């Protein structure tokens, strides 16, 4: 799958049978101010980021769409 998806592709993906988990990777303060509906948060800048994702108990078969600030940022 392409590492970058467009808004229309995401909308289609969210409506699909295998809807992805949305993972917002910016700090909690940013998440509290603005995030996509239903998204989960694990800040990529924290050393515990992967632990937080594991604690979410996600099904390994469920696709994950990771998003952050957008281009040209490399956070996601």
C-alpha atoms as a PDB file:
ATOM      1  CA  UNK A   1       0.000   0.000   0.000  1.00  0.00           C
ATOM      2  CA  UNK A   2       1.132   3.526  -0.730  1.00  0.00           C
ATOM      3  CA  UNK A   3       2.569   5.143   2.422  1.00  0.00           C
ATOM      4  CA  UNK A   4       0.696   8.364   1.658  1.00  0.00           C
ATOM      5  CA  UNK A   5      -3.039   8.355   1.045  1.00  0.00           C
ATOM      6  CA  UNK A   6      -5.267  11.210  -0.016  1.00  0.00           C
ATOM      7  CA  UNK A   7      -8.441  12.349   1.741  1.00  0.00           C
ATOM      8  CA  UNK A   8     -10.746  10.614  -0.720  1.00  0.00           C
ATOM      9  CA  UNK A   9      -8.804   7.349  -0.348  1.00  0.00           C
ATOM     10  CA  UNK A  10      -9.078   7.601   3.440  1.00  0.00           C
ATOM     11  CA  UNK A  11     -12.820   8.229   3.238  1.00  0.00           C
ATOM     12  CA  UNK A  12     -13.234   5.115   1.081  1.00  0.00           C
ATOM     13  CA  UNK A  13     -10.992   3.107   3.419  1.00  0.00           C
ATOM     14  CA  UNK A  14     -13.037   4.187   6.465  1.00  0.00           C
ATOM     15  CA  UNK A  15     -16.218   2.984   4.748  1.00  0.00           C
ATOM     16  CA  UNK A  16     -14.694  -0.376   3.792  1.00  0.00           C
ATOM     17  CA  UNK A  17     -15.319  -3.704   5.495  1.00  0.00           C
ATOM     18  CA  UNK A  18     -11.870  -3.553   7.065  1.00  0.00           C
ATOM     19  CA  UNK A  19     -12.009  -0.006   8.411  1.00  0.00           C
ATOM     20  CA  UNK A  20      -8.635   1.130   9.797  1.00  0.00           C
ATOM     21  CA  UNK A  21      -7.708   2.510  13.193  1.00  0.00           C
ATOM     22  CA  UNK A  22      -6.675   6.152  12.941  1.00  0.00           C
ATOM     23  CA  UNK A  23      -3.530   6.862  14.958  1.00  0.00           C
ATOM     24  CA  UNK A  24      -2.697  10.503  15.676  1.00  0.00           C
ATOM     25  CA  UNK A  25       1.039  10.703  16.477  1.00  0.00           C
ATOM     26  CA  UNK A  26       1.392  14.260  17.758  1.00  0.00           C
ATOM     27  CA  UNK A  27       1.466  15.277  21.457  1.00  0.00           C
ATOM     28  CA  UNK A  28      -1.663  14.930  23.614  1.00  0.00           C
ATOM     29  CA  UNK A  29      -2.121  18.712  23.688  1.00  0.00           C
ATOM     30  CA  UNK A  30      -2.409  18.771  19.904  1.00  0.00           C
ATOM     31  CA  UNK A  31      -4.714  15.736  19.948  1.00  0.00           C
ATOM     32  CA  UNK A  32      -6.978  17.460  22.491  1.00  0.00           C
ATOM     33  CA  UNK A  33      -7.264  20.519  20.251  1.00  0.00           C
ATOM     34  CA  UNK A  34      -7.683  18.792  16.905  1.00  0.00           C
ATOM     35  CA  UNK A  35      -7.957  15.213  15.694  1.00  0.00           C
ATOM     36  CA  UNK A  36      -9.991  13.096  13.326  1.00  0.00           C
ATOM     37  CA  UNK A  37     -13.173  11.612  14.823  1.00  0.00           C
ATOM     38  CA  UNK A  38     -12.524   8.227  16.412  1.00  0.00           C
ATOM     39  CA  UNK A  39      -8.741   8.597  16.308  1.00  0.00           C
ATOM     40  CA  UNK A  40      -6.455   7.233  19.008  1.00  0.00           C
ATOM     41  CA  UNK A  41      -3.337   9.045  20.229  1.00  0.00           C
ATOM     42  CA  UNK A  42       0.235   7.880  20.756  1.00  0.00           C
ATOM     43  CA  UNK A  43       2.850  10.627  20.483  1.00  0.00           C
ATOM     44  CA  UNK A  44       5.744   9.553  18.289  1.00  0.00           C
ATOM     45  CA  UNK A  45       8.052  11.922  20.191  1.00  0.00           C
ATOM     46  CA  UNK A  46       7.628   9.966  23.441  1.00  0.00           C
ATOM     47  CA  UNK A  47       9.776   6.936  24.214  1.00  0.00           C
ATOM     48  CA  UNK A  48       6.649   5.090  25.359  1.00  0.00           C
ATOM     49  CA  UNK A  49       4.896   5.506  21.992  1.00  0.00           C
ATOM     50  CA  UNK A  50       5.041   1.841  20.994  1.00  0.00           C
ATOM     51  CA  UNK A  51       4.009   0.780  24.503  1.00  0.00           C
ATOM     52  CA  UNK A  52       0.942   3.031  24.229  1.00  0.00           C
ATOM     53  CA  UNK A  53       0.026   1.450  20.899  1.00  0.00           C
ATOM     54  CA  UNK A  54       0.428  -2.056  22.384  1.00  0.00           C
ATOM     55  CA  UNK A  55      -1.773  -1.076  25.358  1.00  0.00           C
ATOM     56  CA  UNK A  56      -4.562  -0.181  22.924  1.00  0.00           C
ATOM     57  CA  UNK A  57      -5.028  -3.908  22.339  1.00  0.00           C
ATOM     58  CA  UNK A  58      -5.499  -3.519  18.607  1.00  0.00           C
ATOM     59  CA  UNK A  59      -6.210  -6.576  16.524  1.00  0.00           C
ATOM     60  CA  UNK A  60      -3.008  -7.326  14.547  1.00  0.00           C
ATOM     61  CA  UNK A  61      -5.154  -7.830  11.439  1.00  0.00           C
ATOM     62  CA  UNK A  62      -6.669  -4.336  11.648  1.00  0.00           C
ATOM     63  CA  UNK A  63      -4.993  -1.798   9.363  1.00  0.00           C
ATOM     64  CA  UNK A  64      -3.645   1.365  10.965  1.00  0.00           C
ATOM     65  CA  UNK A  65      -3.555   4.781   9.325  1.00  0.00           C
ATOM     66  CA  UNK A  66      -0.930   6.919  11.037  1.00  0.00           C
ATOM     67  CA  UNK A  67      -1.216  10.677  10.700  1.00  0.00           C
ATOM     68  CA  UNK A  68       0.414  13.799  12.066  1.00  0.00           C
ATOM     69  CA  UNK A  69       1.108  17.345  10.967  1.00  0.00           C
ATOM     70  CA  UNK A  70       1.245  16.571   7.246  1.00  0.00           C
ATOM     71  CA  UNK A  71       3.739  17.425   4.583  1.00  0.00           C
ATOM     72  CA  UNK A  72       6.628  18.236   4.876  1.00  0.00           C
ATOM     73  CA  UNK A  73       6.710  16.989   8.485  1.00  0.00           C
ATOM     74  CA  UNK A  74       8.077  13.481   9.026  1.00  0.00           C
ATOM     75  CA  UNK A  75       6.195  12.718  12.276  1.00  0.00           C
ATOM     76  CA  UNK A  76       3.855  10.171  10.745  1.00  0.00           C
END
